Protein backbone atom coordinates (compact mmCIF):
# COMPACT_ATOMS: atom_id res chain seq x y z
CA ASP A 1 7.49 -0.42 1.14
CA ALA A 2 7.94 2.39 3.01
CA THR A 3 6.91 2.64 6.63
CA GLY A 4 6.87 5.16 9.01
CA HIS A 5 7.20 2.87 12.03
CA ILE A 6 10.35 1.39 10.77
CA VAL A 7 11.64 4.83 9.14
CA THR A 8 10.92 8.67 9.62
CA GLN A 9 11.42 9.82 6.46
CA PHE A 10 12.24 7.63 3.21
CA ASP A 11 14.71 8.91 0.65
CA PHE A 12 13.25 8.43 -2.66
CA ASP A 13 16.24 9.75 -4.35
CA VAL A 14 18.48 7.05 -3.56
CA ALA A 15 15.42 4.04 -3.60
CA LYS A 16 15.06 5.26 -7.19
CA ALA A 17 18.89 5.19 -7.62
CA ALA A 18 19.11 1.85 -6.55
CA GLY A 19 16.43 0.29 -8.69
CA ALA A 20 13.17 0.75 -7.43
CA CYS A 21 10.44 0.82 -9.92
CA ALA A 22 7.62 1.83 -7.21
CA VAL A 23 6.63 2.15 -3.69
CA PHE A 24 3.95 1.77 -1.23
CA LEU A 25 3.51 3.89 2.12
CA ARG A 26 1.87 3.11 5.28
CA ALA A 27 -0.77 5.36 5.50
CA GLY A 28 -1.96 4.69 9.03
CA SER A 29 -3.96 1.97 11.33
CA VAL A 30 -6.14 1.71 14.96
CA THR A 31 -4.69 0.73 17.80
CA ARG A 32 -5.29 -2.76 19.06
CA ASP A 33 -6.76 -2.12 22.27
CA THR A 34 -8.75 1.02 22.37
CA GLY A 35 -9.40 1.26 18.83
CA GLU A 36 -7.87 4.96 18.18
CA ILE A 37 -7.07 5.64 14.55
CA TYR A 38 -3.84 7.67 13.94
CA GLU A 39 -1.85 8.68 10.79
CA ASP A 40 1.67 7.20 9.65
CA LEU A 41 4.27 9.12 11.55
CA ALA A 42 6.31 9.50 8.07
CA TRP A 43 2.71 10.03 5.87
CA ASP A 44 2.50 13.51 5.18
CA TYR A 45 6.52 13.65 3.87
CA ASN A 46 6.29 10.39 2.19
CA SER A 47 3.41 11.16 0.56
CA ALA A 48 4.34 14.56 -0.59
CA GLU A 49 7.82 13.55 -1.64
CA GLY A 50 7.41 10.05 -2.71
CA PRO A 51 5.34 10.66 -5.94
CA LYS A 52 7.68 13.39 -7.11
CA ARG A 53 10.37 10.52 -7.61
CA LEU A 54 8.34 6.99 -8.13
CA PRO A 55 4.78 5.60 -8.65
CA CYS A 56 3.63 5.60 -4.82
CA GLY A 57 0.89 3.50 -3.60
CA SER A 58 -0.54 3.32 0.26
CA TYR A 59 -1.87 0.58 2.54
CA TRP A 60 -3.82 0.69 5.70
CA TYR A 61 -2.90 -1.78 8.49
CA PHE A 62 -6.76 -3.00 9.23
CA ARG A 63 -8.18 -4.56 12.65
CA PRO A 64 -11.17 -6.17 12.08
CA GLN A 65 -12.22 -5.61 15.59
CA HIS A 66 -12.66 -2.02 15.24
CA SER A 67 -15.43 -0.04 12.88
CA PRO A 68 -14.28 -0.85 9.23
CA LEU A 69 -16.20 2.18 7.97
CA LYS A 70 -14.35 4.87 10.33
CA GLN A 71 -10.76 2.87 9.61
CA ALA A 72 -12.02 3.61 5.95
CA GLN A 73 -13.41 6.57 5.97
CA PHE A 74 -10.31 8.43 7.57
CA TYR A 75 -7.58 6.25 5.03
CA ALA A 76 -9.77 8.24 2.31
CA ASN A 77 -9.70 11.50 4.15
CA LEU A 78 -5.40 10.79 3.92
CA LEU A 79 -5.77 9.92 0.50
CA ALA A 80 -7.39 13.23 -0.87
CA GLY A 81 -5.62 15.29 -3.11
CA LYS A 82 -2.08 12.67 -2.75
CA ASP A 83 -0.91 11.88 -6.20
CA MET A 84 -1.18 8.20 -6.01
CA THR A 85 -0.88 6.34 -9.08
CA LEU A 86 -0.85 2.42 -7.64
CA PRO A 87 -3.77 1.35 -5.06
CA ALA A 88 -4.87 1.81 -2.09
CA VAL A 89 -4.39 -1.34 -0.30
CA LEU A 90 -6.36 -3.19 2.14
CA ASP A 91 -3.54 -4.68 4.52
CA TYR A 92 -5.43 -7.63 6.05
CA GLU A 93 -2.80 -9.68 8.33
CA SER A 94 -4.39 -9.20 11.94
CA ASN A 95 -7.12 -10.82 13.79
CA ASP A 96 -6.58 -10.07 17.66
CA LEU A 97 -9.62 -11.08 18.90
CA LEU A 98 -9.87 -14.37 17.03
CA LEU A 99 -13.59 -13.30 14.99
CA SER A 100 -14.84 -15.79 13.07
CA LYS A 101 -14.39 -16.35 9.29
CA VAL A 102 -17.74 -14.75 8.67
CA ALA A 103 -17.10 -11.54 10.79
CA CYS A 104 -13.61 -11.29 9.68
CA SER A 105 -14.85 -11.36 6.12
CA ALA A 106 -17.80 -9.20 6.48
CA ALA A 107 -15.44 -6.57 8.23
CA GLY A 108 -12.55 -6.29 5.38
CA LYS A 109 -15.76 -6.11 2.69
CA LEU A 110 -17.43 -3.01 4.53
CA PHE A 111 -13.70 -1.64 4.55
CA ILE A 112 -12.75 -1.88 1.14
CA ASP A 113 -16.40 -1.24 -0.16
CA GLU A 114 -16.41 1.91 1.97
CA LEU A 115 -12.72 2.88 0.67
CA GLU A 116 -13.44 2.47 -3.37
CA ARG A 117 -16.87 4.09 -2.94
CA LEU A 118 -15.16 7.54 -1.17
CA THR A 119 -12.39 7.69 -3.44
CA GLY A 120 -13.78 5.97 -6.84
CA LYS A 121 -10.85 3.73 -7.23
CA SER A 122 -10.47 0.04 -7.25
CA ALA A 123 -8.50 -1.15 -4.06
CA MET A 124 -6.18 -4.01 -3.86
CA VAL A 125 -5.78 -6.58 -0.71
CA TYR A 126 -2.54 -7.48 1.05
CA THR A 127 -2.05 -10.77 2.81
CA ARG A 128 -0.68 -13.78 2.88
CA LYS A 129 -1.93 -17.16 2.78
CA THR A 130 -1.45 -18.56 6.21
CA PHE A 131 -3.59 -15.91 7.92
CA TRP A 132 -6.25 -15.58 4.70
CA ASP A 133 -7.34 -18.89 4.69
CA PRO A 134 -7.64 -19.83 8.65
CA ASN A 135 -9.11 -16.48 9.27
CA LEU A 136 -11.14 -15.61 5.90
CA GLY A 137 -11.01 -18.64 4.10
CA ARG A 138 -13.32 -18.23 0.58
CA THR A 139 -15.26 -15.03 0.56
CA THR A 140 -17.44 -13.40 -2.25
CA TRP A 141 -15.67 -10.15 -2.51
CA ALA A 142 -11.60 -10.38 -2.09
CA GLY A 143 -11.38 -12.51 -5.31
CA SER A 144 -12.32 -9.81 -7.68
CA ARG A 145 -9.51 -7.27 -6.38
CA GLN A 146 -5.85 -7.39 -7.13
CA LEU A 147 -3.44 -9.64 -4.69
CA TRP A 148 -0.34 -8.04 -3.15
CA THR A 149 0.69 -11.70 -1.26
CA ALA A 150 3.83 -11.99 1.65
CA HIS A 151 5.64 -15.41 0.86
CA TYR A 152 8.96 -15.64 2.20
CA THR A 153 10.82 -17.80 -0.17
CA LEU A 154 12.78 -17.58 -3.60
CA ASP A 155 10.19 -20.07 -5.27
CA ALA A 156 6.81 -19.17 -6.33
CA PRO A 157 4.64 -17.98 -3.44
CA TRP A 158 1.61 -19.34 -2.11
CA ILE A 159 -1.63 -17.90 -3.28
CA PRO A 160 -4.51 -17.31 -0.69
CA MET A 161 -7.95 -19.12 -1.21
CA ASP A 162 -9.64 -16.74 -2.97
CA TRP A 163 -7.12 -16.02 -5.80
CA THR A 164 -5.53 -17.87 -8.56
CA THR A 165 -2.48 -15.67 -8.98
CA TRP A 166 -1.05 -12.45 -7.78
CA ALA A 167 -0.11 -8.99 -8.90
CA VAL A 168 2.55 -8.25 -6.61
CA TRP A 169 4.62 -10.71 -4.01
CA GLN A 170 6.75 -9.41 -1.09
CA TYR A 171 9.40 -11.95 -1.22
CA THR A 172 11.33 -10.69 2.15
CA SER A 173 11.28 -8.30 5.03
CA HIS A 174 15.29 -8.17 4.89
CA GLY A 175 16.06 -6.52 1.75
CA ASP A 176 18.75 -4.05 2.26
CA GLY A 177 17.53 -0.71 4.32
CA HIS A 178 20.10 1.45 3.78
CA LYS A 179 20.82 0.95 -0.07
CA TYR A 180 17.39 1.66 -0.79
CA GLY A 181 16.67 5.06 1.26
CA ALA A 182 15.36 3.79 4.69
CA GLN A 183 16.83 4.57 7.87
CA SER A 184 16.46 0.99 9.06
CA ALA A 185 18.75 -1.68 8.41
CA SER A 186 16.44 -3.97 6.15
CA ILE A 187 13.41 -2.81 4.41
CA ASP A 188 10.32 -5.22 3.01
CA MET A 189 10.84 -5.83 -0.64
CA ASP A 190 8.31 -6.88 -3.66
CA ARG A 191 8.52 -7.84 -6.75
CA ALA A 192 5.46 -6.78 -9.43
CA LYS A 193 3.89 -8.86 -12.24
CA ASP A 194 4.66 -7.11 -15.56
CA GLY A 195 2.14 -4.12 -16.43
CA PHE A 196 1.37 -3.77 -12.64
CA VAL A 197 3.58 -0.41 -12.84
CA VAL A 198 2.92 1.62 -15.86
CA SER A 199 5.96 3.76 -16.00
CA GLY A 200 5.47 7.54 -16.69
CA PRO A 201 6.76 10.91 -15.82
CA THR A 202 7.04 11.76 -12.16
CA LEU A 203 4.95 14.61 -10.59
CA GLU A 204 8.65 16.47 -10.44
CA GLU A 205 9.04 15.93 -14.08
CA ARG A 206 5.61 16.73 -14.63
CA VAL A 207 6.06 19.95 -13.06
CA ALA A 208 9.38 20.86 -14.63
CA GLU A 209 8.01 20.14 -18.52
CA LEU A 210 4.59 22.34 -17.32
CA GLU A 211 7.10 25.06 -16.61
CA ARG A 212 9.35 24.95 -19.77
CA ARG A 213 6.27 24.84 -21.60
CA VAL A 214 5.33 28.03 -19.87
CA ALA A 215 8.86 29.43 -20.44
CA ALA A 216 8.83 28.93 -23.93
CA LEU A 217 5.37 30.77 -24.55
CA GLU A 218 6.71 33.79 -22.58
CA ALA A 219 9.72 33.71 -24.54
CA ALA A 220 7.67 33.64 -28.50
């Protein structure tokens, strides 16, 4: 995934040439103490240029101690008009104030329900078992969404309590950043289940095809 706190502008042409089949872009988050909501430093560039080269999704680093509705609304506004073909993601890996399982679950549900209401699309959840199980446990809402799980191992990843399988698996945080177009030395790397990324023409390819058809009509 491409994160503006690690890189400023991601080189998607390099990523595509290196064999990347998709990318998730960090959209933003909220500060831990003051609750100031912010857009990621590289969101404008990455969300405009990424979809021209590769299928893109996005994620929001969620903090449950601050308004889930305001976070979801800000995130949905960032997504408006963007050509994202992969899901928006609730990135749930933080419980700074050690809120109860009930409070953490309620906050996550408020966020993802509001995000889906505003975007009209299903969202997915990013987390890891060692965070999810002790901080949220079994919920009534998460298991119906696709799972993006983090477990840095060569074996099959651990699955958090609410799911039985994963759609995307983040298997390392030490991928070769420069090889894949990052300005940082390392980058998170993921594997996706067959069928999660449906290959098709990128935005740039669709524009080129449209221009070709217009030129053909004008020449006729």
